[in-house]
Amino acid sequence: NEEGVIVYHLHVAEDDMGRVIGKQGRIAKAIRVVMRAAATRNDER
């Protein structure tokens, strides 16, 4: 986008949404942290 941020849209089966999000969004936050760390190594946002 105009700020240089690349958006990744993750799609999973309806039954697996809870597994990916986790309790209080903890797994989703962890996925985002790992992805941001990897992106930083590639000089991406």
All heavy atoms as atom14 arrays in JSON, in Angstrom:
{
  "sequence": "NEEGVIVYHLHVAEDDMGRVIGKQGRIAKAIRVVMRAAATRNDER",
  "atom14_mask": [
    [1, 1, 1, 1, 1, 1, 1, 1, 0, 0, 0, 0, 0, 0],
    [1, 1, 1, 1, 1, 1, 1, 1, 1, 0, 0, 0, 0, 0],
    [1, 1, 1, 1, 1, 1, 1, 1, 1, 0, 0, 0, 0, 0],
    [1, 1, 1, 1, 0, 0, 0, 0, 0, 0, 0, 0, 0, 0],
    [1, 1, 1, 1, 1, 1, 1, 0, 0, 0, 0, 0, 0, 0],
    [1, 1, 1, 1, 1, 1, 1, 1, 0, 0, 0, 0, 0, 0],
    [1, 1, 1, 1, 1, 1, 1, 0, 0, 0, 0, 0, 0, 0],
    [1, 1, 1, 1, 1, 1, 1, 1, 1, 1, 1, 1, 0, 0],
    [1, 1, 1, 1, 1, 1, 1, 1, 1, 1, 0, 0, 0, 0],
    [1, 1, 1, 1, 1, 1, 1, 1, 0, 0, 0, 0, 0, 0],
    [1, 1, 1, 1, 1, 1, 1, 1, 1, 1, 0, 0, 0, 0],
    [1, 1, 1, 1, 1, 1, 1, 0, 0, 0, 0, 0, 0, 0],
    [1, 1, 1, 1, 1, 0, 0, 0, 0, 0, 0, 0, 0, 0],
    [1, 1, 1, 1, 1, 1, 1, 1, 1, 0, 0, 0, 0, 0],
    [1, 1, 1, 1, 1, 1, 1, 1, 0, 0, 0, 0, 0, 0],
    [1, 1, 1, 1, 1, 1, 1, 1, 0, 0, 0, 0, 0, 0],
    [1, 1, 1, 1, 1, 1, 1, 1, 0, 0, 0, 0, 0, 0],
    [1, 1, 1, 1, 0, 0, 0, 0, 0, 0, 0, 0, 0, 0],
    [1, 1, 1, 1, 1, 1, 1, 1, 1, 1, 1, 0, 0, 0],
    [1, 1, 1, 1, 1, 1, 1, 0, 0, 0, 0, 0, 0, 0],
    [1, 1, 1, 1, 1, 1, 1, 1, 0, 0, 0, 0, 0, 0],
    [1, 1, 1, 1, 0, 0, 0, 0, 0, 0, 0, 0, 0, 0],
    [1, 1, 1, 1, 1, 1, 1, 1, 1, 0, 0, 0, 0, 0],
    [1, 1, 1, 1, 1, 1, 1, 1, 1, 0, 0, 0, 0, 0],
    [1, 1, 1, 1, 0, 0, 0, 0, 0, 0, 0, 0, 0, 0],
    [1, 1, 1, 1, 1, 1, 1, 1, 1, 1, 1, 0, 0, 0],
    [1, 1, 1, 1, 1, 1, 1, 1, 0, 0, 0, 0, 0, 0],
    [1, 1, 1, 1, 1, 0, 0, 0, 0, 0, 0, 0, 0, 0],
    [1, 1, 1, 1, 1, 1, 1, 1, 1, 0, 0, 0, 0, 0],
    [1, 1, 1, 1, 1, 0, 0, 0, 0, 0, 0, 0, 0, 0],
    [1, 1, 1, 1, 1, 1, 1, 1, 0, 0, 0, 0, 0, 0],
    [1, 1, 1, 1, 1, 1, 1, 1, 1, 1, 1, 0, 0, 0],
    [1, 1, 1, 1, 1, 1, 1, 0, 0, 0, 0, 0, 0, 0],
    [1, 1, 1, 1, 1, 1, 1, 0, 0, 0, 0, 0, 0, 0],
    [1, 1, 1, 1, 1, 1, 1, 1, 0, 0, 0, 0, 0, 0],
    [1, 1, 1, 1, 1, 1, 1, 1, 1, 1, 1, 0, 0, 0],
    [1, 1, 1, 1, 1, 0, 0, 0, 0, 0, 0, 0, 0, 0],
    [1, 1, 1, 1, 1, 0, 0, 0, 0, 0, 0, 0, 0, 0],
    [1, 1, 1, 1, 1, 0, 0, 0, 0, 0, 0, 0, 0, 0],
    [1, 1, 1, 1, 1, 1, 1, 0, 0, 0, 0, 0, 0, 0],
    [1, 1, 1, 1, 1, 1, 1, 1, 1, 1, 1, 0, 0, 0],
    [1, 1, 1, 1, 1, 1, 1, 1, 0, 0, 0, 0, 0, 0],
    [1, 1, 1, 1, 1, 1, 1, 1, 0, 0, 0, 0, 0, 0],
    [1, 1, 1, 1, 1, 1, 1, 1, 1, 0, 0, 0, 0, 0],
    [1, 1, 1, 1, 1, 1, 1, 1, 1, 1, 1, 0, 0, 0]
  ],
  "atom14_positions": [
    [[0.84, -1.2, 0.0], [0.0, 0.0, 0.0], [0.88, 1.25, 0.0], [2.09, 1.17, -0.15], [-0.98, -0.02, 1.19], [-0.28, -0.02, 2.53], [0.91, 0.22, 2.65], [-1.03, -0.29, 3.58], [0.0, 0.0, 0.0], [0.0, 0.0, 0.0], [0.0, 0.0, 0.0], [0.0, 0.0, 0.0], [0.0, 0.0, 0.0], [0.0, 0.0, 0.0]],
    [[0.27, 2.43, 0.18], [1.02, 3.68, 0.1], [2.09, 3.81, 1.18], [3.04, 4.55, 1.03], [0.07, 4.89, 0.15], [-0.78, 4.98, 1.39], [-2.06, 4.17, 1.34], [-2.4, 3.63, 0.27], [-2.72, 4.05, 2.38], [0.0, 0.0, 0.0], [0.0, 0.0, 0.0], [0.0, 0.0, 0.0], [0.0, 0.0, 0.0], [0.0, 0.0, 0.0]],
    [[1.94, 3.04, 2.28], [2.94, 3.07, 3.35], [4.0, 1.98, 3.16], [4.89, 1.85, 3.99], [2.25, 2.9, 4.7], [1.28, 4.01, 5.02], [0.39, 3.69, 6.2], [0.54, 2.59, 6.77], [-0.44, 4.53, 6.55], [0.0, 0.0, 0.0], [0.0, 0.0, 0.0], [0.0, 0.0, 0.0], [0.0, 0.0, 0.0], [0.0, 0.0, 0.0]],
    [[3.86, 1.18, 2.12], [4.82, 0.12, 1.85], [4.56, -1.16, 2.61], [5.43, -2.02, 2.7], [0.0, 0.0, 0.0], [0.0, 0.0, 0.0], [0.0, 0.0, 0.0], [0.0, 0.0, 0.0], [0.0, 0.0, 0.0], [0.0, 0.0, 0.0], [0.0, 0.0, 0.0], [0.0, 0.0, 0.0], [0.0, 0.0, 0.0], [0.0, 0.0, 0.0]],
    [[3.36, -1.3, 3.16], [3.01, -2.49, 3.94], [2.36, -3.52, 3.02], [1.4, -3.21, 2.3], [2.06, -2.14, 5.1], [1.65, -3.38, 5.86], [2.7, -1.12, 6.02], [0.0, 0.0, 0.0], [0.0, 0.0, 0.0], [0.0, 0.0, 0.0], [0.0, 0.0, 0.0], [0.0, 0.0, 0.0], [0.0, 0.0, 0.0], [0.0, 0.0, 0.0]],
    [[2.87, -4.74, 3.05], [2.29, -5.85, 2.28], [1.34, -6.61, 3.2], [1.73, -7.02, 4.29], [3.4, -6.79, 1.77], [4.4, -6.02, 0.9], [2.8, -7.95, 1.0], [5.65, -6.8, 0.58], [0.0, 0.0, 0.0], [0.0, 0.0, 0.0], [0.0, 0.0, 0.0], [0.0, 0.0, 0.0], [0.0, 0.0, 0.0], [0.0, 0.0, 0.0]],
    [[0.1, -6.8, 2.77], [-0.9, -7.48, 3.59], [-1.07, -8.91, 3.1], [-1.3, -9.15, 1.92], [-2.26, -6.75, 3.55], [-3.29, -7.47, 4.4], [-2.09, -5.3, 4.02], [0.0, 0.0, 0.0], [0.0, 0.0, 0.0], [0.0, 0.0, 0.0], [0.0, 0.0, 0.0], [0.0, 0.0, 0.0], [0.0, 0.0, 0.0], [0.0, 0.0, 0.0]],
    [[-0.93, -9.86, 4.03], [-1.14, -11.28, 3.76], [-2.48, -11.67, 4.36], [-2.71, -11.48, 5.55], [-0.03, -12.12, 4.39], [1.31, -11.96, 3.72], [2.15, -10.9, 4.04], [1.73, -12.86, 2.76], [3.38, -10.75, 3.42], [2.96, -12.72, 2.14], [3.77, -11.66, 2.47], [4.99, -11.51, 1.86], [0.0, 0.0, 0.0], [0.0, 0.0, 0.0]],
    [[-3.37, -12.22, 3.53], [-4.69, -12.66, 3.98], [-4.66, -14.18, 4.11], [-4.51, -14.89, 3.12], [-5.77, -12.25, 2.97], [-5.91, -10.78, 2.83], [-6.68, -10.03, 3.69], [-5.37, -9.9, 1.94], [-6.63, -8.77, 3.32], [-5.83, -8.66, 2.27], [0.0, 0.0, 0.0], [0.0, 0.0, 0.0], [0.0, 0.0, 0.0], [0.0, 0.0, 0.0]],
    [[-4.8, -14.66, 5.34], [-4.76, -16.09, 5.62], [-6.17, -16.64, 5.65], [-7.04, -16.11, 6.35], [-4.07, -16.33, 6.97], [-4.02, -17.75, 7.5], [-3.21, -18.64, 6.57], [-3.44, -17.78, 8.89], [0.0, 0.0, 0.0], [0.0, 0.0, 0.0], [0.0, 0.0, 0.0], [0.0, 0.0, 0.0], [0.0, 0.0, 0.0], [0.0, 0.0, 0.0]],
    [[-6.41, -17.71, 4.89], [-7.72, -18.36, 4.84], [-7.56, -19.8, 5.32], [-6.69, -20.52, 4.84], [-8.28, -18.39, 3.42], [-8.38, -17.03, 2.8], [-9.44, -16.18, 3.04], [-7.55, -16.36, 1.97], [-9.26, -15.07, 2.37], [-8.11, -15.15, 1.71], [0.0, 0.0, 0.0], [0.0, 0.0, 0.0], [0.0, 0.0, 0.0], [0.0, 0.0, 0.0]],
    [[-8.4, -20.2, 6.28], [-8.41, -21.58, 6.78], [-9.85, -22.07, 6.81], [-10.79, -21.29, 6.64], [-7.79, -21.69, 8.19], [-6.33, -21.3, 8.18], [-8.53, -20.85, 9.2], [0.0, 0.0, 0.0], [0.0, 0.0, 0.0], [0.0, 0.0, 0.0], [0.0, 0.0, 0.0], [0.0, 0.0, 0.0], [0.0, 0.0, 0.0], [0.0, 0.0, 0.0]],
    [[-10.01, -23.37, 7.03], [-11.36, -23.94, 7.12], [-12.08, -23.35, 8.33], [-11.46, -22.95, 9.31], [-11.28, -25.46, 7.24], [0.0, 0.0, 0.0], [0.0, 0.0, 0.0], [0.0, 0.0, 0.0], [0.0, 0.0, 0.0], [0.0, 0.0, 0.0], [0.0, 0.0, 0.0], [0.0, 0.0, 0.0], [0.0, 0.0, 0.0], [0.0, 0.0, 0.0]],
    [[-13.39, -23.31, 8.23], [-14.22, -22.73, 9.29], [-13.96, -23.4, 10.65], [-13.88, -22.73, 11.68], [-15.7, -22.87, 8.92], [-16.66, -22.31, 9.92], [-17.17, -20.94, 9.52], [-17.03, -20.57, 8.36], [-17.7, -20.26, 10.39], [0.0, 0.0, 0.0], [0.0, 0.0, 0.0], [0.0, 0.0, 0.0], [0.0, 0.0, 0.0], [0.0, 0.0, 0.0]],
    [[-13.8, -24.72, 10.65], [-13.58, -25.46, 11.89], [-12.21, -25.19, 12.51], [-12.01, -25.43, 13.7], [-13.73, -26.97, 11.64], [-15.14, -27.35, 11.2], [-16.07, -26.57, 11.48], [-15.29, -28.41, 10.58], [0.0, 0.0, 0.0], [0.0, 0.0, 0.0], [0.0, 0.0, 0.0], [0.0, 0.0, 0.0], [0.0, 0.0, 0.0], [0.0, 0.0, 0.0]],
    [[-11.26, -24.7, 11.72], [-9.91, -24.47, 12.21], [-9.66, -23.03, 12.64], [-8.55, -22.71, 13.09], [-8.89, -24.84, 11.12], [-8.83, -26.34, 10.89], [-9.05, -27.1, 11.84], [-8.54, -26.74, 9.75], [0.0, 0.0, 0.0], [0.0, 0.0, 0.0], [0.0, 0.0, 0.0], [0.0, 0.0, 0.0], [0.0, 0.0, 0.0], [0.0, 0.0, 0.0]],
    [[-10.64, -22.16, 12.54], [-10.45, -20.76, 12.9], [-10.02, -20.61, 14.36], [-9.11, -19.84, 14.67], [-11.73, -19.96, 12.66], [-11.96, -19.64, 11.21], [-10.7, -18.58, 10.54], [-11.38, -17.01, 10.93], [0.0, 0.0, 0.0], [0.0, 0.0, 0.0], [0.0, 0.0, 0.0], [0.0, 0.0, 0.0], [0.0, 0.0, 0.0], [0.0, 0.0, 0.0]],
    [[-10.65, -21.35, 15.24], [-10.3, -21.28, 16.66], [-8.88, -21.73, 16.93], [-8.2, -21.18, 17.81], [0.0, 0.0, 0.0], [0.0, 0.0, 0.0], [0.0, 0.0, 0.0], [0.0, 0.0, 0.0], [0.0, 0.0, 0.0], [0.0, 0.0, 0.0], [0.0, 0.0, 0.0], [0.0, 0.0, 0.0], [0.0, 0.0, 0.0], [0.0, 0.0, 0.0]],
    [[-8.41, -22.71, 16.2], [-7.04, -23.19, 16.37], [-6.03, -22.14, 15.95], [-4.97, -22.0, 16.56], [-6.81, -24.45, 15.57], [-7.57, -25.64, 16.07], [-7.24, -26.85, 15.19], [-7.94, -28.02, 15.63], [-7.52, -28.83, 16.6], [-6.41, -28.55, 17.22], [-8.22, -29.88, 16.95], [0.0, 0.0, 0.0], [0.0, 0.0, 0.0], [0.0, 0.0, 0.0]],
    [[-6.33, -21.4, 14.9], [-5.39, -20.4, 14.39], [-5.42, -19.14, 15.25], [-4.39, -18.52, 15.49], [-5.7, -20.07, 12.92], [-4.86, -18.93, 12.42], [-5.49, -21.3, 12.05], [0.0, 0.0, 0.0], [0.0, 0.0, 0.0], [0.0, 0.0, 0.0], [0.0, 0.0, 0.0], [0.0, 0.0, 0.0], [0.0, 0.0, 0.0], [0.0, 0.0, 0.0]],
    [[-6.59, -18.78, 15.75], [-6.7, -17.57, 16.57], [-6.21, -17.84, 17.99], [-5.49, -17.04, 18.56], [-8.14, -17.05, 16.56], [-8.49, -16.6, 15.14], [-8.31, -15.91, 17.54], [-9.93, -16.24, 14.94], [0.0, 0.0, 0.0], [0.0, 0.0, 0.0], [0.0, 0.0, 0.0], [0.0, 0.0, 0.0], [0.0, 0.0, 0.0], [0.0, 0.0, 0.0]],
    [[-6.61, -18.96, 18.58], [-6.17, -19.3, 19.93], [-6.95, -18.56, 20.99], [-7.77, -17.69, 20.71], [0.0, 0.0, 0.0], [0.0, 0.0, 0.0], [0.0, 0.0, 0.0], [0.0, 0.0, 0.0], [0.0, 0.0, 0.0], [0.0, 0.0, 0.0], [0.0, 0.0, 0.0], [0.0, 0.0, 0.0], [0.0, 0.0, 0.0], [0.0, 0.0, 0.0]],
    [[-6.68, -18.93, 22.24], [-7.36, -18.27, 23.36], [-6.9, -16.82, 23.45], [-5.7, -16.55, 23.51], [-7.04, -18.99, 24.68], [-7.69, -20.33, 24.81], [-7.43, -20.91, 26.17], [-8.13, -22.26, 26.29], [-7.85, -22.89, 27.59], [0.0, 0.0, 0.0], [0.0, 0.0, 0.0], [0.0, 0.0, 0.0], [0.0, 0.0, 0.0], [0.0, 0.0, 0.0]],
    [[-7.86, -15.93, 23.44], [-7.64, -14.49, 23.51], [-6.68, -14.0, 22.42], [-5.98, -13.01, 22.58], [-7.11, -14.09, 24.89], [-8.09, -14.4, 26.0], [-7.55, -14.03, 27.36], [-6.39, -13.67, 27.51], [-8.41, -14.14, 28.36], [0.0, 0.0, 0.0], [0.0, 0.0, 0.0], [0.0, 0.0, 0.0], [0.0, 0.0, 0.0], [0.0, 0.0, 0.0]],
    [[-6.62, -14.73, 21.3], [-5.82, -14.31, 20.16], [-4.33, -14.53, 20.31], [-3.54, -13.96, 19.56], [0.0, 0.0, 0.0], [0.0, 0.0, 0.0], [0.0, 0.0, 0.0], [0.0, 0.0, 0.0], [0.0, 0.0, 0.0], [0.0, 0.0, 0.0], [0.0, 0.0, 0.0], [0.0, 0.0, 0.0], [0.0, 0.0, 0.0], [0.0, 0.0, 0.0]],
    [[-3.92, -15.36, 21.25], [-2.49, -15.54, 21.52], [-1.75, -16.19, 20.35], [-0.63, -15.79, 20.03], [-2.29, -16.37, 22.78], [-2.66, -15.62, 24.02], [-2.38, -16.42, 25.25], [-2.81, -15.66, 26.41], [-3.11, -16.2, 27.56], [-3.02, -17.51, 27.73], [-3.48, -15.45, 28.56], [0.0, 0.0, 0.0], [0.0, 0.0, 0.0], [0.0, 0.0, 0.0]],
    [[-2.34, -17.19, 19.72], [-1.66, -17.85, 18.61], [-1.58, -16.9, 17.41], [-0.55, -16.82, 16.74], [-2.36, -19.17, 18.25], [-2.21, -20.15, 19.41], [-1.78, -19.76, 16.97], [-2.97, -21.45, 19.24], [0.0, 0.0, 0.0], [0.0, 0.0, 0.0], [0.0, 0.0, 0.0], [0.0, 0.0, 0.0], [0.0, 0.0, 0.0], [0.0, 0.0, 0.0]],
    [[-2.66, -16.16, 17.16], [-2.65, -15.2, 16.06], [-1.57, -14.14, 16.28], [-0.84, -13.77, 15.35], [-4.02, -14.54, 15.92], [0.0, 0.0, 0.0], [0.0, 0.0, 0.0], [0.0, 0.0, 0.0], [0.0, 0.0, 0.0], [0.0, 0.0, 0.0], [0.0, 0.0, 0.0], [0.0, 0.0, 0.0], [0.0, 0.0, 0.0], [0.0, 0.0, 0.0]],
    [[-1.43, -13.67, 17.51], [-0.39, -12.69, 17.82], [1.0, -13.28, 17.61], [1.89, -12.62, 17.07], [-0.53, -12.2, 19.27], [-1.7, -11.29, 19.5], [-1.79, -10.9, 20.95], [-3.09, -10.18, 21.24], [-3.26, -9.88, 22.67], [0.0, 0.0, 0.0], [0.0, 0.0, 0.0], [0.0, 0.0, 0.0], [0.0, 0.0, 0.0], [0.0, 0.0, 0.0]],
    [[1.17, -14.54, 18.01], [2.47, -15.19, 17.84], [2.82, -15.35, 16.36], [3.97, -15.14, 15.96], [2.47, -16.55, 18.54], [0.0, 0.0, 0.0], [0.0, 0.0, 0.0], [0.0, 0.0, 0.0], [0.0, 0.0, 0.0], [0.0, 0.0, 0.0], [0.0, 0.0, 0.0], [0.0, 0.0, 0.0], [0.0, 0.0, 0.0], [0.0, 0.0, 0.0]],
    [[1.83, -15.72, 15.56], [2.05, -15.84, 14.11], [2.48, -14.49, 13.54], [3.42, -14.4, 12.75], [0.8, -16.37, 13.4], [0.54, -17.83, 13.78], [0.91, -16.22, 11.88], [-0.8, -18.37, 13.31], [0.0, 0.0, 0.0], [0.0, 0.0, 0.0], [0.0, 0.0, 0.0], [0.0, 0.0, 0.0], [0.0, 0.0, 0.0], [0.0, 0.0, 0.0]],
    [[1.8, -13.43, 13.95], [2.14, -12.1, 13.45], [3.55, -11.67, 13.87], [4.27, -11.05, 13.09], [1.1, -11.09, 13.94], [-0.25, -11.27, 13.26], [-1.26, -10.22, 13.7], [-2.49, -10.4, 12.96], [-3.65, -10.73, 13.53], [-3.74, -10.9, 14.84], [-4.73, -10.87, 12.79], [0.0, 0.0, 0.0], [0.0, 0.0, 0.0], [0.0, 0.0, 0.0]],
    [[3.93, -12.0, 15.1], [5.27, -11.65, 15.58], [6.34, -12.36, 14.76], [7.33, -11.75, 14.34], [5.42, -11.98, 17.08], [6.87, -11.93, 17.53], [4.59, -11.03, 17.92], [0.0, 0.0, 0.0], [0.0, 0.0, 0.0], [0.0, 0.0, 0.0], [0.0, 0.0, 0.0], [0.0, 0.0, 0.0], [0.0, 0.0, 0.0], [0.0, 0.0, 0.0]],
    [[6.16, -13.65, 14.53], [7.14, -14.41, 13.75], [7.22, -13.86, 12.32], [8.32, -13.7, 11.77], [6.78, -15.91, 13.74], [7.61, -16.68, 12.73], [6.94, -16.5, 15.12], [0.0, 0.0, 0.0], [0.0, 0.0, 0.0], [0.0, 0.0, 0.0], [0.0, 0.0, 0.0], [0.0, 0.0, 0.0], [0.0, 0.0, 0.0], [0.0, 0.0, 0.0]],
    [[6.08, -13.57, 11.73], [6.07, -13.05, 10.36], [6.73, -11.68, 10.28], [7.47, -11.39, 9.34], [4.64, -12.98, 9.83], [4.01, -14.34, 9.61], [4.87, -15.32, 8.37], [4.55, -14.36, 6.91], [0.0, 0.0, 0.0], [0.0, 0.0, 0.0], [0.0, 0.0, 0.0], [0.0, 0.0, 0.0], [0.0, 0.0, 0.0], [0.0, 0.0, 0.0]],
    [[6.48, -10.81, 11.26], [7.12, -9.49, 11.25], [8.62, -9.6, 11.43], [9.38, -8.85, 10.81], [6.53, -8.61, 12.36], [5.23, -7.99, 11.96], [4.84, -6.85, 12.9], [3.4, -6.73, 12.86], [2.59, -6.96, 13.87], [3.06, -7.27, 15.06], [1.29, -6.84, 13.73], [0.0, 0.0, 0.0], [0.0, 0.0, 0.0], [0.0, 0.0, 0.0]],
    [[9.06, -10.53, 12.27], [10.49, -10.73, 12.47], [11.16, -11.2, 11.18], [12.23, -10.72, 10.81], [10.73, -11.74, 13.59], [0.0, 0.0, 0.0], [0.0, 0.0, 0.0], [0.0, 0.0, 0.0], [0.0, 0.0, 0.0], [0.0, 0.0, 0.0], [0.0, 0.0, 0.0], [0.0, 0.0, 0.0], [0.0, 0.0, 0.0], [0.0, 0.0, 0.0]],
    [[10.52, -12.12, 10.49], [11.06, -12.6, 9.21], [11.06, -11.48, 8.18], [11.98, -11.36, 7.37], [10.26, -13.79, 8.71], [0.0, 0.0, 0.0], [0.0, 0.0, 0.0], [0.0, 0.0, 0.0], [0.0, 0.0, 0.0], [0.0, 0.0, 0.0], [0.0, 0.0, 0.0], [0.0, 0.0, 0.0], [0.0, 0.0, 0.0], [0.0, 0.0, 0.0]],
    [[10.03, -10.66, 8.17], [9.94, -9.56, 7.21], [11.02, -8.51, 7.49], [11.6, -7.94, 6.56], [8.57, -8.91, 7.26], [0.0, 0.0, 0.0], [0.0, 0.0, 0.0], [0.0, 0.0, 0.0], [0.0, 0.0, 0.0], [0.0, 0.0, 0.0], [0.0, 0.0, 0.0], [0.0, 0.0, 0.0], [0.0, 0.0, 0.0], [0.0, 0.0, 0.0]],
    [[11.31, -8.28, 8.74], [12.34, -7.31, 9.1], [13.7, -7.74, 8.57], [14.48, -6.91, 8.12], [12.4, -7.14, 10.63], [11.12, -6.72, 11.1], [13.43, -6.12, 11.04], [0.0, 0.0, 0.0], [0.0, 0.0, 0.0], [0.0, 0.0, 0.0], [0.0, 0.0, 0.0], [0.0, 0.0, 0.0], [0.0, 0.0, 0.0], [0.0, 0.0, 0.0]],
    [[13.95, -9.04, 8.58], [15.22, -9.54, 8.04], [15.33, -9.3, 6.54], [16.42, -9.2, 6.0], [15.36, -11.03, 8.34], [15.48, -11.31, 9.82], [15.75, -12.73, 10.08], [17.16, -12.97, 9.76], [17.77, -14.11, 9.95], [17.11, -15.12, 10.43], [19.04, -14.25, 9.64], [0.0, 0.0, 0.0], [0.0, 0.0, 0.0], [0.0, 0.0, 0.0]],
    [[14.17, -9.2, 5.86], [14.14, -8.95, 4.42], [13.87, -7.5, 4.09], [13.56, -7.17, 2.94], [13.08, -9.84, 3.76], [13.39, -11.3, 3.88], [14.54, -11.69, 4.0], [12.37, -12.13, 3.85], [0.0, 0.0, 0.0], [0.0, 0.0, 0.0], [0.0, 0.0, 0.0], [0.0, 0.0, 0.0], [0.0, 0.0, 0.0], [0.0, 0.0, 0.0]],
    [[13.91, -6.63, 5.09], [13.62, -5.19, 4.94], [12.25, -4.96, 4.32], [12.09, -4.14, 3.42], [14.7, -4.51, 4.09], [16.05, -4.48, 4.79], [16.05, -4.37, 6.03], [17.07, -4.57, 4.11], [0.0, 0.0, 0.0], [0.0, 0.0, 0.0], [0.0, 0.0, 0.0], [0.0, 0.0, 0.0], [0.0, 0.0, 0.0], [0.0, 0.0, 0.0]],
    [[11.25, -5.68, 4.81], [9.87, -5.51, 4.36], [9.01, -5.13, 5.55], [9.36, -5.38, 6.69], [9.33, -6.81, 3.76], [10.03, -7.29, 2.52], [9.49, -8.63, 2.02], [8.58, -9.18, 2.67], [9.99, -9.11, 1.01], [0.0, 0.0, 0.0], [0.0, 0.0, 0.0], [0.0, 0.0, 0.0], [0.0, 0.0, 0.0], [0.0, 0.0, 0.0]],
    [[7.86, -4.55, 5.25], [6.85, -4.27, 6.27], [5.61, -5.06, 5.87], [5.12, -4.92, 4.76], [6.54, -2.78, 6.33], [7.76, -1.98, 6.77], [7.46, -0.51, 6.84], [6.45, -0.29, 7.85], [5.62, 0.74, 7.85], [5.67, 1.64, 6.91], [4.71, 0.88, 8.8], [0.0, 0.0, 0.0], [0.0, 0.0, 0.0], [0.0, 0.0, 0.0]]
  ]
}
